[in-house]
Amino acid sequence: MQYIPNIANGHAFQKHVINGKEFEDLGIKTIDDFQRHINNIIENPSSIIKKLERDRVAFWDDASGTLIIFDPRSKDKGTAFRPKNGKSYFDNDIR
């Protein structure tokens, strides 16, 4: 999907990969690693998809505990991170 590079190169990389070290245990250290991870989740049919307000779409991956939110209105088209409370965040906290 054409927005994946935007998410991987956006704020999520610096905030969640570099500063937060949320993906360290998955060996994700570069933008290319992050982009591949995001792509694998979005393209994987086992990902859980949830439609959100304001035309956003959330993708949840149980295997890695990663949440991706596609936001067509944001400059970097969304975010990707691993919420501290895992799938509960996906199920209950995002709207």
N, C-alpha and C. Protein backbone atom coordinates (compact mmCIF):
# COMPACT_ATOMS: atom_id res chain seq x y z
N MET A 1 0.84 -1.17 0.00
CA MET A 1 0.00 0.00 0.00
C MET A 1 0.89 1.24 0.00
N GLN A 2 0.48 2.22 -0.73
CA GLN A 2 1.35 3.37 -0.97
C GLN A 2 1.62 4.22 0.27
N TYR A 3 0.80 4.11 1.32
CA TYR A 3 1.02 4.94 2.51
C TYR A 3 2.01 4.32 3.49
N ILE A 4 2.40 3.07 3.31
CA ILE A 4 3.31 2.41 4.26
C ILE A 4 4.64 3.15 4.40
N PRO A 5 5.28 3.57 3.30
CA PRO A 5 6.53 4.33 3.48
C PRO A 5 6.34 5.62 4.27
N ASN A 6 5.18 6.27 4.13
CA ASN A 6 4.93 7.49 4.89
C ASN A 6 4.91 7.21 6.38
N ILE A 7 4.23 6.13 6.77
CA ILE A 7 4.16 5.77 8.19
C ILE A 7 5.55 5.41 8.71
N ALA A 8 6.27 4.59 7.97
CA ALA A 8 7.60 4.14 8.40
C ALA A 8 8.58 5.29 8.50
N ASN A 9 8.46 6.29 7.63
CA ASN A 9 9.37 7.44 7.63
C ASN A 9 8.86 8.60 8.47
N GLY A 10 7.69 8.45 9.07
CA GLY A 10 7.09 9.54 9.83
C GLY A 10 7.53 9.55 11.29
N HIS A 11 6.73 10.20 12.11
CA HIS A 11 7.06 10.38 13.52
C HIS A 11 7.21 9.06 14.26
N ALA A 12 6.51 8.02 13.81
CA ALA A 12 6.51 6.73 14.52
C ALA A 12 7.91 6.13 14.62
N PHE A 13 8.71 6.29 13.58
CA PHE A 13 10.06 5.71 13.62
C PHE A 13 10.87 6.32 14.75
N GLN A 14 10.96 7.63 14.78
CA GLN A 14 11.76 8.29 15.82
C GLN A 14 11.17 8.03 17.21
N LYS A 15 9.86 8.19 17.34
CA LYS A 15 9.21 8.09 18.66
C LYS A 15 9.19 6.67 19.21
N HIS A 16 8.82 5.71 18.36
CA HIS A 16 8.59 4.35 18.88
C HIS A 16 9.74 3.38 18.63
N VAL A 17 10.47 3.55 17.54
CA VAL A 17 11.59 2.64 17.26
C VAL A 17 12.86 3.15 17.91
N ILE A 18 13.22 4.41 17.66
CA ILE A 18 14.49 4.95 18.18
C ILE A 18 14.38 5.32 19.66
N ASN A 19 13.50 6.25 19.98
CA ASN A 19 13.42 6.74 21.37
C ASN A 19 12.80 5.71 22.31
N GLY A 20 11.68 5.13 21.92
CA GLY A 20 10.97 4.20 22.79
C GLY A 20 11.52 2.79 22.81
N LYS A 21 12.34 2.45 21.81
CA LYS A 21 12.93 1.11 21.70
C LYS A 21 11.88 0.00 21.80
N GLU A 22 10.67 0.29 21.29
CA GLU A 22 9.56 -0.66 21.39
C GLU A 22 9.73 -1.89 20.50
N PHE A 23 10.56 -1.79 19.49
CA PHE A 23 10.69 -2.88 18.52
C PHE A 23 12.06 -3.56 18.59
N GLU A 24 12.83 -3.22 19.60
CA GLU A 24 14.19 -3.74 19.75
C GLU A 24 14.22 -5.26 19.79
N ASP A 25 13.28 -5.88 20.50
CA ASP A 25 13.27 -7.34 20.62
C ASP A 25 12.91 -8.02 19.30
N LEU A 26 12.36 -7.26 18.35
CA LEU A 26 12.04 -7.81 17.03
C LEU A 26 13.17 -7.56 16.03
N GLY A 27 14.25 -6.92 16.49
CA GLY A 27 15.38 -6.65 15.61
C GLY A 27 15.14 -5.50 14.64
N ILE A 28 14.15 -4.68 14.91
CA ILE A 28 13.83 -3.56 14.03
C ILE A 28 14.64 -2.35 14.48
N LYS A 29 15.56 -1.93 13.58
CA LYS A 29 16.46 -0.83 13.92
C LYS A 29 16.48 0.25 12.85
N THR A 30 16.09 -0.09 11.63
CA THR A 30 16.17 0.87 10.53
C THR A 30 14.77 1.16 9.98
N ILE A 31 14.69 2.22 9.20
CA ILE A 31 13.42 2.55 8.56
C ILE A 31 13.00 1.41 7.64
N ASP A 32 13.95 0.81 6.94
CA ASP A 32 13.62 -0.33 6.06
C ASP A 32 13.05 -1.50 6.86
N ASP A 33 13.65 -1.81 8.01
CA ASP A 33 13.12 -2.87 8.89
C ASP A 33 11.69 -2.54 9.31
N PHE A 34 11.49 -1.30 9.71
CA PHE A 34 10.19 -0.85 10.19
C PHE A 34 9.15 -0.92 9.07
N GLN A 35 9.55 -0.49 7.89
CA GLN A 35 8.65 -0.52 6.75
C GLN A 35 8.24 -1.96 6.41
N ARG A 36 9.20 -2.89 6.43
CA ARG A 36 8.89 -4.30 6.16
C ARG A 36 7.91 -4.85 7.21
N HIS A 37 8.14 -4.49 8.46
CA HIS A 37 7.27 -4.95 9.56
C HIS A 37 5.85 -4.45 9.36
N ILE A 38 5.71 -3.17 9.07
CA ILE A 38 4.39 -2.59 8.84
C ILE A 38 3.72 -3.26 7.65
N ASN A 39 4.46 -3.42 6.57
CA ASN A 39 3.92 -4.04 5.36
C ASN A 39 3.46 -5.47 5.65
N ASN A 40 4.25 -6.24 6.37
CA ASN A 40 3.89 -7.62 6.69
C ASN A 40 2.58 -7.70 7.47
N ILE A 41 2.37 -6.77 8.38
CA ILE A 41 1.14 -6.77 9.17
C ILE A 41 -0.06 -6.41 8.30
N ILE A 42 0.07 -5.36 7.52
CA ILE A 42 -1.05 -4.91 6.69
C ILE A 42 -1.39 -5.92 5.61
N GLU A 43 -0.39 -6.57 5.07
CA GLU A 43 -0.62 -7.55 4.00
C GLU A 43 -0.99 -8.94 4.52
N ASN A 44 -0.86 -9.16 5.83
CA ASN A 44 -1.13 -10.47 6.41
C ASN A 44 -2.62 -10.61 6.71
N PRO A 45 -3.27 -11.60 6.15
CA PRO A 45 -4.70 -11.74 6.38
C PRO A 45 -5.08 -12.07 7.82
N SER A 46 -4.11 -12.44 8.67
CA SER A 46 -4.45 -12.72 10.07
C SER A 46 -4.50 -11.46 10.92
N SER A 47 -4.11 -10.32 10.35
CA SER A 47 -4.22 -9.07 11.09
C SER A 47 -5.70 -8.74 11.32
N ILE A 48 -5.99 -8.16 12.46
CA ILE A 48 -7.35 -7.76 12.77
C ILE A 48 -7.50 -6.30 12.36
N ILE A 49 -8.56 -5.98 11.66
CA ILE A 49 -8.76 -4.64 11.14
C ILE A 49 -9.99 -4.02 11.81
N LYS A 50 -9.87 -2.75 12.15
CA LYS A 50 -10.96 -2.03 12.81
C LYS A 50 -11.08 -0.64 12.18
N LYS A 51 -12.28 -0.27 11.75
CA LYS A 51 -12.51 1.07 11.22
C LYS A 51 -12.70 2.03 12.39
N LEU A 52 -12.06 3.20 12.27
CA LEU A 52 -12.11 4.21 13.32
C LEU A 52 -12.78 5.48 12.82
N GLU A 53 -12.99 6.40 13.72
CA GLU A 53 -13.53 7.70 13.36
C GLU A 53 -12.58 8.42 12.41
N ARG A 54 -13.10 9.40 11.68
CA ARG A 54 -12.32 10.26 10.79
C ARG A 54 -11.59 9.48 9.69
N ASP A 55 -12.23 8.44 9.17
CA ASP A 55 -11.70 7.66 8.04
C ASP A 55 -10.39 6.94 8.34
N ARG A 56 -10.09 6.72 9.61
CA ARG A 56 -8.88 6.00 9.97
C ARG A 56 -9.16 4.50 10.04
N VAL A 57 -8.10 3.72 9.89
CA VAL A 57 -8.20 2.27 9.98
C VAL A 57 -7.07 1.76 10.86
N ALA A 58 -7.42 0.86 11.80
CA ALA A 58 -6.42 0.28 12.69
C ALA A 58 -6.19 -1.18 12.32
N PHE A 59 -4.93 -1.59 12.37
CA PHE A 59 -4.52 -2.97 12.12
C PHE A 59 -3.83 -3.47 13.38
N TRP A 60 -4.23 -4.64 13.87
CA TRP A 60 -3.62 -5.23 15.06
C TRP A 60 -2.95 -6.54 14.67
N ASP A 61 -1.74 -6.75 15.18
CA ASP A 61 -1.01 -7.99 14.95
C ASP A 61 -0.73 -8.66 16.29
N ASP A 62 -1.38 -9.80 16.54
CA ASP A 62 -1.19 -10.53 17.80
C ASP A 62 0.24 -11.01 17.98
N ALA A 63 0.85 -11.49 16.91
CA ALA A 63 2.18 -12.10 17.01
C ALA A 63 3.22 -11.12 17.55
N SER A 64 3.17 -9.87 17.12
CA SER A 64 4.18 -8.90 17.54
C SER A 64 3.63 -7.87 18.53
N GLY A 65 2.31 -7.83 18.73
CA GLY A 65 1.72 -6.83 19.60
C GLY A 65 1.79 -5.43 19.02
N THR A 66 1.78 -5.36 17.68
CA THR A 66 1.91 -4.07 17.00
C THR A 66 0.55 -3.55 16.56
N LEU A 67 0.35 -2.27 16.77
CA LEU A 67 -0.83 -1.56 16.29
C LEU A 67 -0.40 -0.57 15.23
N ILE A 68 -1.08 -0.60 14.10
CA ILE A 68 -0.84 0.37 13.03
C ILE A 68 -2.15 1.12 12.82
N ILE A 69 -2.06 2.44 12.78
CA ILE A 69 -3.24 3.25 12.49
C ILE A 69 -2.97 4.04 11.22
N PHE A 70 -3.76 3.77 10.20
CA PHE A 70 -3.69 4.53 8.96
C PHE A 70 -4.61 5.73 9.11
N ASP A 71 -4.06 6.91 8.90
CA ASP A 71 -4.82 8.15 9.01
C ASP A 71 -4.60 8.97 7.75
N PRO A 72 -5.54 8.94 6.81
CA PRO A 72 -5.34 9.62 5.53
C PRO A 72 -5.21 11.14 5.66
N ARG A 73 -5.61 11.69 6.79
CA ARG A 73 -5.57 13.14 6.98
C ARG A 73 -4.26 13.64 7.58
N SER A 74 -3.46 12.73 8.14
CA SER A 74 -2.22 13.18 8.77
C SER A 74 -1.08 13.22 7.74
N LYS A 75 -0.12 14.06 8.00
CA LYS A 75 1.01 14.26 7.08
C LYS A 75 1.75 12.96 6.81
N ASP A 76 2.00 12.18 7.86
CA ASP A 76 2.74 10.93 7.68
C ASP A 76 1.83 9.70 7.54
N LYS A 77 0.56 9.95 7.35
CA LYS A 77 -0.46 8.92 7.05
C LYS A 77 -0.71 7.94 8.19
N GLY A 78 -0.22 8.23 9.39
CA GLY A 78 -0.54 7.37 10.51
C GLY A 78 0.62 7.09 11.43
N THR A 79 0.50 5.97 12.14
CA THR A 79 1.51 5.61 13.14
C THR A 79 1.56 4.09 13.30
N ALA A 80 2.60 3.63 13.95
CA ALA A 80 2.74 2.22 14.30
C ALA A 80 3.48 2.16 15.63
N PHE A 81 2.94 1.39 16.56
CA PHE A 81 3.57 1.27 17.87
C PHE A 81 3.07 0.00 18.56
N ARG A 82 3.66 -0.28 19.72
CA ARG A 82 3.28 -1.45 20.51
C ARG A 82 2.74 -0.94 21.85
N PRO A 83 1.41 -0.84 21.95
CA PRO A 83 0.83 -0.29 23.19
C PRO A 83 1.19 -1.13 24.41
N LYS A 84 1.42 -0.44 25.51
CA LYS A 84 1.80 -1.12 26.76
C LYS A 84 0.74 -2.11 27.22
N ASN A 85 -0.54 -1.80 27.02
CA ASN A 85 -1.58 -2.73 27.44
C ASN A 85 -2.08 -3.60 26.29
N GLY A 86 -1.26 -3.72 25.25
CA GLY A 86 -1.50 -4.67 24.17
C GLY A 86 -2.83 -4.57 23.48
N LYS A 87 -3.43 -5.73 23.23
CA LYS A 87 -4.66 -5.80 22.46
C LYS A 87 -5.82 -5.10 23.16
N SER A 88 -5.76 -4.99 24.47
CA SER A 88 -6.78 -4.26 25.20
C SER A 88 -6.88 -2.83 24.69
N TYR A 89 -5.76 -2.23 24.36
CA TYR A 89 -5.75 -0.88 23.80
C TYR A 89 -6.49 -0.85 22.47
N PHE A 90 -6.20 -1.84 21.62
CA PHE A 90 -6.88 -1.96 20.33
C PHE A 90 -8.39 -2.16 20.52
N ASP A 91 -8.75 -3.03 21.42
CA ASP A 91 -10.17 -3.37 21.64
C ASP A 91 -10.97 -2.25 22.29
N ASN A 92 -10.35 -1.53 23.23
CA ASN A 92 -11.12 -0.63 24.08
C ASN A 92 -10.77 0.85 24.01
N ASP A 93 -9.55 1.19 23.66
CA ASP A 93 -9.10 2.57 23.83
C ASP A 93 -9.05 3.42 22.56
N ILE A 94 -8.92 2.81 21.40
CA ILE A 94 -8.88 3.63 20.19
C ILE A 94 -10.26 3.75 19.60
N ARG A 95 -10.53 4.89 19.05
CA ARG A 95 -11.86 5.15 18.47
C ARG A 95 -11.74 5.79 17.12
